Amino acid sequence: MDELTQPLNIIRRQERFSSQPGRVITKFYLPGGEHRIPNVINRIIALSEDEVNVTLEEVIAGFSTRHKNIWQVFNRHFDAVKQYLPADTQLSDERRTLIGAYFTHEYAIQASAFFNPSIVDHPNQQNVAEGEKRVILSFRSTGEGHISSIEFRSGIIDQANEFHLDKVSHYVETPEIIKNPTYDNSTFSLKLKDMEVLNDISERIMQRIPEYFSFDDLSRSIQQELDQNSDPAPLLHETIDKMYWLSRSNYELKFREDRRISEKVIFPVSENEIRGIEDARFVHFTDDNGEQKYYATYTAYNGFNILPMLLETHDFIKFRIRTLNGKAVQNKGMALFPRKIKGKYMMVSRQDGENLYIMSSDNIHFWHRTTLLSKPTYPWEFIQIGNCGSPLETEAGWILLTHGVGAMRKYCIGACLLDLDDPSKVIGHLSEPLLSPTEDEREGYVPNVLYTCGAMVHNDELIIPYSMSDTASGIAVVPVKDLLSRLMR
């Protein structure tokens, strides 16, 4: 058996990341529609103060140990329904809190699955020994109704590339939604143009607001436009609806600074993602000026359509969520390169659900130009190919992990090598899968599927967190030298 026919030395680590139904968040609960809110409130108002206290004590005893901020949650949800109170109603603090509790429910964020991981450097590398690296792993969590969100784990990879994972907190919570984020006028206008909404109406609205504006600024300018049109035409309402849709699709999130990474979950917020945030591909990005940040491309799903989105953070505390625009971002599975190449942002994508493409752009929010990168070539990828996360830079070229779908919809992870200076050139390609599902990995929510959303190189080895049949996740390690040797031959 010659070197090329020998299997690569791939080690599957013992670490397993499995779903935990006990990890729950709180959500606002609307039972049966707004018309039922007054009925529930009136029943609580009819209780005596002693009954209120007893009932509230039972709720607090049952749920305060499951959430760090249950009182604040109940009070926030009371504020969401207080407009339905009978006029001039005076309530005790306990009765207000109890009303909030009736409009709250728990949601098990990973009751169904915990999968499709990616891995990046942690922004805090203090007190890490030489040869070690602190890392953050992201996962797609799926709960009731197949609604997906993003969760995180952290730990250290030591000199031998063994994982030392941080203890996972019992608590988990969603971030504060910043209701009045700042928008860039020129970028917002370009997105309107891309949506074919840049007309006389939208231009007048945009001209009245500053270079950097808030949602309130936009709302005031829109109201001015409405006030000046006593008999508004359909185009006016259509334009305004789309401007509001765009603004609500771009938002910001902020977690409490004292929360551990495993306590954070990014749950769907906008109407575009109410059915899930899918397959976030995180990348540690270095700008031309040396600025460090993290991006993640993900797919927003509303039950009918998908919308490619971009997440940005510097510290995994505050996140900016923005739409991606352009004719080249109409499909799933986009992954950014970790730096610009010849002054342009680069991204790998799949335009037609079958082949791999590469894209370049001067603006990270707009993508129009595409070049075919690779087509299905080998039997294990005859159905379709796609990327498995951002390309990884080596002296020999960019390692791009791919996925291929073959007979019986079996998903395998492969690899190709792209030219360092011109990544539109494929200079190497594995003819056989790098990772295929083993017998104990092929059973699950979606059987026979191995998948990853991002890997990293550390201590001359390729670290690949990967999901098994859309149910659980594991970690594989491959020597980079051996993989490059196989790719370059």
Protein backbone atom coordinates (compact mmCIF):
# COMPACT_ATOMS: atom_id res chain seq x y z
CA MET A 1 0.00 0.00 0.00
CA ASP A 2 1.61 3.31 -1.09
CA GLU A 3 1.41 6.58 0.82
CA LEU A 4 -1.54 7.92 -1.16
CA THR A 5 -3.74 4.87 -0.56
CA GLN A 6 -3.01 4.68 3.17
CA PRO A 7 -5.74 6.28 5.30
CA LEU A 8 -4.87 9.57 6.95
CA ASN A 9 -4.08 9.42 10.66
CA ILE A 10 -7.35 10.86 11.96
CA ILE A 11 -7.98 10.77 15.70
CA ARG A 12 -11.49 11.14 17.05
CA ARG A 13 -11.38 12.63 20.55
CA GLN A 14 -13.52 11.27 23.36
CA GLU A 15 -15.31 14.60 23.89
CA ARG A 16 -19.00 14.51 23.02
CA PHE A 17 -21.44 17.39 23.02
CA SER A 18 -25.00 16.12 23.39
CA SER A 19 -28.37 17.81 23.75
CA GLN A 20 -29.52 18.64 27.27
CA PRO A 21 -33.29 19.22 27.50
CA GLY A 22 -32.80 20.81 30.92
CA ARG A 23 -31.20 23.92 29.38
CA VAL A 24 -34.14 26.32 29.19
CA ILE A 25 -34.69 30.00 28.53
CA THR A 26 -37.71 32.14 29.39
CA LYS A 27 -39.93 33.57 26.66
CA PHE A 28 -43.01 35.76 26.57
CA TYR A 29 -46.11 33.56 26.46
CA LEU A 30 -49.25 34.65 24.61
CA PRO A 31 -51.94 31.98 25.11
CA GLY A 32 -54.35 31.96 22.17
CA GLY A 33 -54.06 35.56 21.03
CA GLU A 34 -54.28 39.09 22.45
CA HIS A 35 -58.04 38.88 23.02
CA ARG A 36 -57.40 36.45 25.90
CA ILE A 37 -54.96 38.68 27.78
CA PRO A 38 -57.65 40.68 29.67
CA ASN A 39 -59.36 37.43 30.73
CA VAL A 40 -56.19 36.11 32.35
CA ILE A 41 -55.43 39.46 33.99
CA ASN A 42 -58.95 39.80 35.43
CA ARG A 43 -58.75 36.33 36.99
CA ILE A 44 -55.52 37.30 38.75
CA ILE A 45 -56.99 40.63 39.89
CA ALA A 46 -59.89 38.71 41.44
CA LEU A 47 -57.54 36.79 43.75
CA SER A 48 -57.15 37.88 47.34
CA GLU A 49 -53.75 39.23 48.39
CA ASP A 50 -53.11 36.03 50.37
CA GLU A 51 -53.89 33.91 47.30
CA VAL A 52 -51.55 36.06 45.23
CA ASN A 53 -48.71 35.59 47.73
CA VAL A 54 -49.20 31.82 48.01
CA THR A 55 -49.38 31.35 44.23
CA LEU A 56 -46.36 33.58 43.62
CA GLU A 57 -44.32 31.76 46.27
CA GLU A 58 -45.07 28.45 44.52
CA VAL A 59 -43.93 29.86 41.17
CA ILE A 60 -40.75 31.37 42.62
CA ALA A 61 -39.91 28.15 44.47
CA GLY A 62 -40.35 26.14 41.29
CA PHE A 63 -38.45 28.36 38.87
CA SER A 64 -36.02 30.71 40.65
CA THR A 65 -33.32 28.03 40.78
CA ARG A 66 -33.62 27.49 37.02
CA HIS A 67 -33.00 31.13 36.03
CA LYS A 68 -30.71 33.83 37.40
CA ASN A 69 -33.14 36.71 36.79
CA ILE A 70 -36.65 35.28 37.09
CA TRP A 71 -38.04 38.34 38.95
CA GLN A 72 -36.81 40.70 36.24
CA VAL A 73 -38.30 38.42 33.58
CA PHE A 74 -41.72 38.44 35.23
CA ASN A 75 -41.67 42.21 35.62
CA ARG A 76 -40.61 42.69 32.00
CA HIS A 77 -43.45 40.49 30.79
CA PHE A 78 -45.91 42.35 33.01
CA ASP A 79 -44.83 45.56 31.27
CA ALA A 80 -45.67 43.89 27.95
CA VAL A 81 -49.33 43.35 28.96
CA LYS A 82 -50.05 46.18 31.42
CA GLN A 83 -51.90 48.14 28.71
CA TYR A 84 -54.70 45.56 29.05
CA LEU A 85 -55.32 46.37 32.73
CA PRO A 86 -58.71 47.87 33.63
CA ALA A 87 -58.52 51.65 33.93
CA ASP A 88 -57.22 53.08 37.25
CA THR A 89 -56.26 49.64 38.59
CA GLN A 90 -53.87 49.71 41.53
CA LEU A 91 -51.72 46.59 41.98
CA SER A 92 -49.25 45.43 44.58
CA ASP A 93 -45.74 44.53 43.43
CA GLU A 94 -46.52 40.86 44.09
CA ARG A 95 -49.65 40.91 41.92
CA ARG A 96 -47.76 42.63 39.09
CA THR A 97 -45.05 39.98 39.29
CA LEU A 98 -47.62 37.19 39.30
CA ILE A 99 -49.31 38.60 36.19
CA GLY A 100 -45.91 38.57 34.49
CA ALA A 101 -45.42 34.93 35.50
CA TYR A 102 -48.64 33.91 33.75
CA PHE A 103 -47.32 35.42 30.52
CA THR A 104 -43.98 33.60 30.72
CA HIS A 105 -42.96 30.10 29.67
CA GLU A 106 -39.82 28.04 29.40
CA TYR A 107 -38.33 26.90 26.11
CA ALA A 108 -35.83 24.01 25.94
CA ILE A 109 -33.34 25.37 23.41
CA GLN A 110 -31.62 22.05 22.67
CA ALA A 111 -34.36 19.53 23.37
CA SER A 112 -33.96 18.05 19.88
CA ALA A 113 -30.31 18.47 18.89
CA PHE A 114 -26.95 20.15 19.57
CA PHE A 115 -24.88 20.13 16.40
CA ASN A 116 -23.09 21.89 13.48
CA PRO A 117 -20.20 23.35 15.52
CA SER A 118 -17.49 25.84 14.62
CA ILE A 119 -14.37 26.90 16.56
CA VAL A 120 -12.39 30.16 16.89
CA ASP A 121 -9.74 31.71 19.13
CA HIS A 122 -11.15 33.20 22.33
CA PRO A 123 -10.69 37.01 22.44
CA ASN A 124 -9.07 36.61 25.89
CA GLN A 125 -5.77 34.74 25.74
CA GLN A 126 -4.42 35.98 29.07
CA ASN A 127 -2.80 33.47 31.43
CA VAL A 128 -2.61 30.79 28.73
CA ALA A 129 0.60 28.75 28.69
CA GLU A 130 2.87 28.60 25.66
CA GLY A 131 1.54 26.13 23.13
CA GLU A 132 -1.98 26.37 24.52
CA LYS A 133 -4.97 28.27 23.18
CA ARG A 134 -8.25 29.31 24.72
CA VAL A 135 -11.11 28.71 22.27
CA ILE A 136 -14.82 29.27 21.79
CA LEU A 137 -17.03 26.69 20.12
CA SER A 138 -20.40 27.64 18.67
CA PHE A 139 -23.25 25.18 18.15
CA ARG A 140 -26.65 25.09 16.53
CA SER A 141 -29.20 24.21 19.20
CA THR A 142 -32.62 22.97 18.14
CA GLY A 143 -35.67 22.77 20.37
CA GLU A 144 -39.44 22.45 20.13
CA GLY A 145 -40.80 23.22 16.67
CA HIS A 146 -37.32 22.76 15.17
CA ILE A 147 -36.39 26.35 16.07
CA SER A 148 -32.62 26.80 15.99
CA SER A 149 -30.43 29.20 17.97
CA ILE A 150 -26.71 29.70 18.64
CA GLU A 151 -25.02 28.46 21.82
CA PHE A 152 -21.40 28.59 22.96
CA ARG A 153 -18.85 26.55 24.90
CA SER A 154 -15.26 27.41 25.88
CA GLY A 155 -12.08 25.74 26.94
CA ILE A 156 -8.34 25.39 26.39
CA ILE A 157 -6.48 23.24 23.87
CA ASP A 158 -3.16 22.22 25.39
CA GLN A 159 0.24 21.52 23.80
CA ALA A 160 -0.85 18.00 22.85
CA ASN A 161 -4.10 19.33 21.37
CA GLU A 162 -6.15 17.79 24.16
CA PHE A 163 -9.29 19.72 25.12
CA HIS A 164 -9.89 21.02 28.64
CA LEU A 165 -13.44 22.29 28.50
CA ASP A 166 -14.82 24.84 30.94
CA LYS A 167 -17.66 23.70 33.16
CA VAL A 168 -21.01 24.32 31.52
CA SER A 169 -23.27 26.57 33.56
CA HIS A 170 -26.67 25.32 34.66
CA TYR A 171 -28.14 28.67 33.59
CA VAL A 172 -28.72 30.05 30.12
CA GLU A 173 -30.32 33.29 29.01
CA THR A 174 -31.01 35.47 26.00
CA PRO A 175 -29.42 38.92 25.61
CA GLU A 176 -30.96 42.35 25.81
CA ILE A 177 -32.26 43.47 22.43
CA ILE A 178 -31.01 46.99 21.76
CA LYS A 179 -34.16 48.54 20.37
CA ASN A 180 -32.57 51.68 19.00
CA PRO A 181 -29.31 50.65 17.27
CA THR A 182 -27.27 52.95 15.07
CA TYR A 183 -27.43 52.62 11.28
CA ASP A 184 -25.14 53.97 8.60
CA ASN A 185 -27.09 56.13 6.12
CA SER A 186 -25.01 55.27 3.05
CA THR A 187 -25.05 51.51 3.74
CA PHE A 188 -28.77 51.58 4.51
CA SER A 189 -29.44 53.43 1.23
CA LEU A 190 -27.34 50.93 -0.71
CA LYS A 191 -29.40 48.11 0.78
CA LEU A 192 -32.61 49.90 -0.23
CA LYS A 193 -31.23 50.16 -3.76
CA ASP A 194 -30.36 46.49 -3.73
CA MET A 195 -33.94 45.73 -2.65
CA GLU A 196 -35.24 47.99 -5.47
CA VAL A 197 -36.81 50.32 -2.91
CA LEU A 198 -34.62 53.39 -3.55
CA ASN A 199 -37.15 55.80 -5.07
CA ASP A 200 -38.22 59.42 -4.59
CA ILE A 201 -40.06 58.54 -1.38
CA SER A 202 -37.22 56.64 0.30
CA GLU A 203 -34.67 59.22 -0.85
CA ARG A 204 -36.64 62.03 0.80
CA ILE A 205 -36.90 60.00 4.00
CA MET A 206 -33.16 59.27 4.02
CA GLN A 207 -32.20 62.88 3.24
CA ARG A 208 -33.88 64.07 6.45
CA ILE A 209 -31.84 61.85 8.75
CA PRO A 210 -28.15 62.14 9.71
CA GLU A 211 -25.19 60.11 8.47
CA TYR A 212 -25.49 57.80 11.48
CA PHE A 213 -29.09 57.46 12.58
CA SER A 214 -31.29 55.55 15.01
CA PHE A 215 -34.54 53.68 14.52
CA ASP A 216 -36.30 56.65 16.14
CA ASP A 217 -34.71 59.01 13.61
CA LEU A 218 -36.01 56.83 10.80
CA SER A 219 -39.49 56.63 12.33
CA ARG A 220 -39.73 60.42 12.68
CA SER A 221 -38.69 60.97 9.07
CA ILE A 222 -41.21 58.37 7.90
CA GLN A 223 -43.94 60.08 9.92
CA GLN A 224 -43.05 63.40 8.27
CA GLU A 225 -43.47 61.74 4.88
CA LEU A 226 -46.87 60.40 5.91
CA ASP A 227 -47.96 63.80 7.25
CA GLN A 228 -47.10 65.40 3.91
CA ASN A 229 -49.21 62.90 1.95
CA SER A 230 -52.87 63.29 2.85
CA ASP A 231 -53.83 60.68 0.25
CA PRO A 232 -50.94 58.20 0.33
CA ALA A 233 -50.46 56.04 -2.76
CA PRO A 234 -49.76 52.27 -2.52
CA LEU A 235 -46.10 52.92 -3.36
CA LEU A 236 -45.72 54.99 -0.20
CA HIS A 237 -46.93 52.22 2.10
CA GLU A 238 -44.94 49.59 0.22
CA THR A 239 -41.77 51.68 0.51
CA ILE A 240 -42.29 52.38 4.21
CA ASP A 241 -43.07 48.72 4.99
CA LYS A 242 -39.83 47.62 3.33
CA MET A 243 -37.80 50.32 5.09
CA TYR A 244 -39.16 49.17 8.45
CA TRP A 245 -38.54 45.54 7.48
CA LEU A 246 -34.91 46.35 6.69
CA SER A 247 -34.38 48.29 9.90
CA ARG A 248 -35.90 45.53 12.06
CA SER A 249 -33.76 42.92 10.31
CA ASN A 250 -30.64 44.80 11.45
CA TYR A 251 -30.34 44.92 15.21
CA GLU A 252 -27.95 44.64 18.13
CA LEU A 253 -27.76 42.33 21.13
CA LYS A 254 -25.98 42.71 24.44
CA PHE A 255 -25.33 40.11 27.15
CA ARG A 256 -24.55 40.96 30.76
CA GLU A 257 -20.78 41.28 31.13
CA ASP A 258 -20.65 38.90 34.10
CA ARG A 259 -22.28 36.02 32.20
CA ARG A 260 -20.17 33.01 31.27
CA ILE A 261 -19.96 32.04 27.61
CA SER A 262 -22.00 28.85 28.19
CA GLU A 263 -24.82 30.96 29.66
CA LYS A 264 -25.39 32.82 26.41
CA VAL A 265 -27.82 31.89 23.66
CA ILE A 266 -28.67 33.92 20.57
CA PHE A 267 -32.32 33.14 19.94
CA PRO A 268 -34.28 34.34 16.87
CA VAL A 269 -35.34 37.98 17.14
CA SER A 270 -36.47 39.37 13.79
CA GLU A 271 -39.42 38.20 11.71
CA ASN A 272 -36.97 36.80 9.15
CA GLU A 273 -35.59 34.22 11.60
CA ILE A 274 -38.63 33.28 13.68
CA ARG A 275 -38.21 29.64 12.60
CA GLY A 276 -34.49 29.51 13.26
CA ILE A 277 -30.91 30.75 13.10
CA GLU A 278 -29.11 28.04 11.19
CA ASP A 279 -25.47 26.97 10.75
CA ALA A 280 -23.43 29.93 11.98
CA ARG A 281 -19.92 29.81 10.50
CA PHE A 282 -17.68 31.83 12.83
CA VAL A 283 -14.32 33.25 11.72
CA HIS A 284 -11.67 35.29 13.52
CA PHE A 285 -11.13 38.14 11.06
CA THR A 286 -8.08 40.42 10.84
CA ASP A 287 -8.62 43.67 8.94
CA ASP A 288 -5.95 45.41 6.88
CA ASN A 289 -5.36 47.87 9.74
CA GLY A 290 -4.81 45.01 12.19
CA GLU A 291 -8.21 45.30 13.87
CA GLN A 292 -9.45 41.98 15.21
CA LYS A 293 -13.12 40.99 15.16
CA TYR A 294 -15.33 37.96 14.73
CA TYR A 295 -17.85 37.43 11.98
CA ALA A 296 -20.37 34.68 11.50
CA THR A 297 -22.48 34.08 8.43
CA TYR A 298 -25.73 32.28 9.13
CA THR A 299 -29.08 31.51 7.53
CA ALA A 300 -32.22 33.14 8.88
CA TYR A 301 -35.37 31.09 8.26
CA ASN A 302 -38.96 32.26 8.68
CA GLY A 303 -40.67 29.00 7.74
CA PHE A 304 -40.94 29.88 4.07
CA ASN A 305 -37.81 31.72 2.93
CA ILE A 306 -34.15 31.95 3.87
CA LEU A 307 -32.15 35.15 4.30
CA PRO A 308 -28.34 35.20 4.58
CA MET A 309 -27.20 37.21 7.60
CA LEU A 310 -23.95 38.51 9.07
CA LEU A 311 -23.14 38.60 12.78
CA GLU A 312 -20.28 40.71 14.12
CA THR A 313 -18.70 40.88 17.57
CA HIS A 314 -15.44 41.88 19.21
CA ASP A 315 -15.98 40.31 22.61
CA PHE A 316 -18.92 37.84 22.50
CA ILE A 317 -20.82 40.26 24.74
CA LYS A 318 -22.24 42.69 22.21
CA PHE A 319 -23.34 41.49 18.77
CA ARG A 320 -24.39 43.38 15.64
CA ILE A 321 -26.76 41.54 13.30
CA ARG A 322 -26.95 42.75 9.68
CA THR A 323 -28.51 41.53 6.46
CA LEU A 324 -26.29 40.44 3.59
CA ASN A 325 -27.31 41.88 0.23
CA GLY A 326 -26.68 41.30 -3.44
CA LYS A 327 -27.61 38.81 -6.11
CA ALA A 328 -24.83 36.47 -4.93
CA VAL A 329 -26.27 35.90 -1.43
CA GLN A 330 -29.49 34.10 -2.25
CA ASN A 331 -28.46 30.64 -1.08
CA LYS A 332 -27.17 28.88 2.04
CA GLY A 333 -23.69 28.02 3.21
CA MET A 334 -21.48 31.10 2.95
CA ALA A 335 -18.12 31.31 4.72
CA LEU A 336 -15.79 34.31 4.92
CA PHE A 337 -12.03 34.17 4.51
CA PRO A 338 -10.24 35.32 7.71
CA ARG A 339 -8.68 38.33 5.97
CA LYS A 340 -8.95 40.40 2.80
CA ILE A 341 -7.06 39.22 -0.26
CA LYS A 342 -5.70 41.93 -2.55
CA GLY A 343 -7.88 44.46 -0.79
CA LYS A 344 -11.15 42.57 -1.16
CA TYR A 345 -13.33 40.53 1.14
CA MET A 346 -13.59 36.93 -0.04
CA MET A 347 -16.26 34.35 0.64
CA VAL A 348 -17.02 30.79 -0.39
CA SER A 349 -20.65 30.05 -1.18
CA ARG A 350 -23.10 27.80 -2.98
CA GLN A 351 -25.22 29.60 -5.55
CA ASP A 352 -27.23 26.79 -7.09
CA GLY A 353 -27.55 24.20 -4.33
CA GLU A 354 -25.03 21.96 -6.08
CA ASN A 355 -21.63 23.55 -6.79
CA LEU A 356 -19.04 25.59 -4.87
CA TYR A 357 -18.46 29.23 -5.78
CA ILE A 358 -16.09 31.95 -4.63
CA MET A 359 -17.06 35.60 -4.27
CA SER A 360 -15.23 38.90 -3.76
CA SER A 361 -16.47 42.31 -2.68
CA ASP A 362 -15.28 45.75 -1.64
CA ASN A 363 -18.08 45.91 0.95
CA ILE A 364 -18.71 43.08 3.39
CA HIS A 365 -22.48 43.69 3.27
CA PHE A 366 -22.86 43.45 -0.54
CA TRP A 367 -21.99 40.52 -2.77
CA HIS A 368 -22.59 40.49 -6.52
CA ARG A 369 -19.61 38.82 -8.26
CA THR A 370 -19.24 35.02 -8.26
CA THR A 371 -16.84 32.55 -9.84
CA LEU A 372 -17.39 28.79 -10.08
CA LEU A 373 -14.85 27.12 -7.82
CA SER A 374 -15.64 23.40 -7.95
CA LYS A 375 -18.24 20.90 -9.12
CA PRO A 376 -19.11 17.48 -7.69
CA THR A 377 -16.36 15.19 -8.97
CA TYR A 378 -16.24 11.96 -6.96
CA PRO A 379 -19.05 9.48 -6.20
CA TRP A 380 -19.29 10.48 -2.52
CA GLU A 381 -20.23 14.04 -3.58
CA PHE A 382 -22.29 13.47 -6.73
CA ILE A 383 -25.47 15.02 -5.27
CA GLN A 384 -23.95 18.31 -4.09
CA ILE A 385 -20.93 19.94 -2.48
CA GLY A 386 -20.60 22.86 -0.10
CA ASN A 387 -18.15 24.40 2.32
CA CYS A 388 -17.67 23.36 5.93
CA GLY A 389 -16.57 26.69 7.33
CA SER A 390 -14.04 29.40 6.60
CA PRO A 391 -10.81 28.55 4.72
CA LEU A 392 -7.71 28.00 6.87
CA GLU A 393 -4.46 29.69 5.87
CA THR A 394 -1.24 27.66 5.56
CA GLU A 395 2.02 28.35 3.73
CA ALA A 396 0.96 25.86 1.06
CA GLY A 397 -2.44 27.45 0.46
CA TRP A 398 -5.94 27.73 1.91
CA ILE A 399 -7.34 24.50 3.31
CA LEU A 400 -11.07 24.48 2.61
CA LEU A 401 -13.11 21.81 4.30
CA THR A 402 -16.06 20.74 2.17
CA HIS A 403 -19.06 18.51 2.51
CA GLY A 404 -20.25 16.12 -0.14
CA VAL A 405 -23.57 14.34 -0.43
CA GLY A 406 -23.59 10.90 -2.05
CA ALA A 407 -25.87 7.90 -2.38
CA MET A 408 -28.55 7.50 0.33
CA ARG A 409 -27.99 11.19 1.21
CA LYS A 410 -24.82 10.32 3.08
CA TYR A 411 -22.88 13.47 4.11
CA CYS A 412 -19.08 13.26 4.32
CA ILE A 413 -16.44 15.89 5.05
CA GLY A 414 -13.77 16.41 2.40
CA ALA A 415 -11.02 18.95 1.76
CA CYS A 416 -9.49 20.93 -1.07
CA LEU A 417 -6.55 23.33 -1.30
CA LEU A 418 -6.86 26.82 -2.78
CA ASP A 419 -4.05 28.99 -4.10
CA LEU A 420 -2.85 31.41 -1.42
CA ASP A 421 -2.81 34.52 -3.63
CA ASP A 422 -5.65 33.55 -5.95
CA PRO A 423 -8.07 31.33 -4.05
CA SER A 424 -10.27 30.99 -7.13
CA LYS A 425 -7.74 28.34 -8.20
CA VAL A 426 -8.14 24.84 -6.73
CA ILE A 427 -4.66 23.31 -6.51
CA GLY A 428 -5.56 20.15 -4.62
CA HIS A 429 -8.58 18.00 -3.82
CA LEU A 430 -9.07 14.83 -1.78
CA SER A 431 -10.53 12.06 -3.90
CA GLU A 432 -11.87 10.30 -0.80
CA PRO A 433 -13.67 11.78 2.20
CA LEU A 434 -11.60 13.09 5.07
CA LEU A 435 -14.32 12.04 7.54
CA SER A 436 -17.23 9.67 6.97
CA PRO A 437 -19.88 8.68 9.53
CA THR A 438 -18.91 5.60 11.51
CA GLU A 439 -21.49 3.09 12.72
CA ASP A 440 -21.94 4.89 16.04
CA GLU A 441 -22.18 8.29 14.30
CA ARG A 442 -24.77 7.51 11.65
CA GLU A 443 -27.84 7.22 13.88
CA GLY A 444 -29.73 10.35 14.87
CA TYR A 445 -32.21 13.06 14.00
CA VAL A 446 -30.93 13.10 10.38
CA PRO A 447 -29.02 9.83 9.85
CA ASN A 448 -25.76 9.35 7.93
CA VAL A 449 -24.64 12.99 8.19
CA LEU A 450 -21.22 14.34 9.21
CA TYR A 451 -20.92 18.13 9.10
CA THR A 452 -18.93 21.04 10.51
CA CYS A 453 -19.25 24.82 10.34
CA GLY A 454 -15.61 25.63 11.03
CA ALA A 455 -12.23 24.22 12.08
CA MET A 456 -8.85 25.61 13.14
CA VAL A 457 -5.15 24.81 12.91
CA HIS A 458 -3.25 24.51 16.20
CA ASN A 459 0.16 22.99 16.93
CA ASP A 460 0.42 21.68 13.35
CA GLU A 461 -2.86 19.80 13.57
CA LEU A 462 -6.25 20.46 12.08
CA ILE A 463 -8.90 20.57 14.83
CA ILE A 464 -12.34 19.71 13.44
CA PRO A 465 -15.42 19.90 15.67
CA TYR A 466 -18.13 18.06 13.78
CA SER A 467 -21.75 17.01 14.18
CA MET A 468 -23.04 13.47 13.99
CA SER A 469 -26.39 12.94 12.26
CA ASP A 470 -27.69 16.35 13.36
CA THR A 471 -27.93 15.14 16.95
CA ALA A 472 -24.63 15.44 18.83
CA SER A 473 -21.09 16.67 18.14
CA GLY A 474 -17.52 15.44 18.52
CA ILE A 475 -13.94 16.48 17.70
CA ALA A 476 -11.45 15.03 15.21
CA VAL A 477 -7.75 15.86 14.84
CA VAL A 478 -5.70 15.52 11.63
CA PRO A 479 -1.97 16.25 11.14
CA VAL A 480 -1.77 19.23 8.77
CA LYS A 481 1.48 18.02 7.18
CA ASP A 482 -0.10 14.70 6.19
CA LEU A 483 -3.25 16.39 4.86
CA LEU A 484 -1.27 18.90 2.79
CA SER A 485 0.91 16.14 1.40
CA ARG A 486 -2.19 14.29 0.27
CA LEU A 487 -3.80 17.44 -1.15
CA MET A 488 -0.70 18.62 -3.04
CA ARG A 489 -0.24 15.23 -4.67
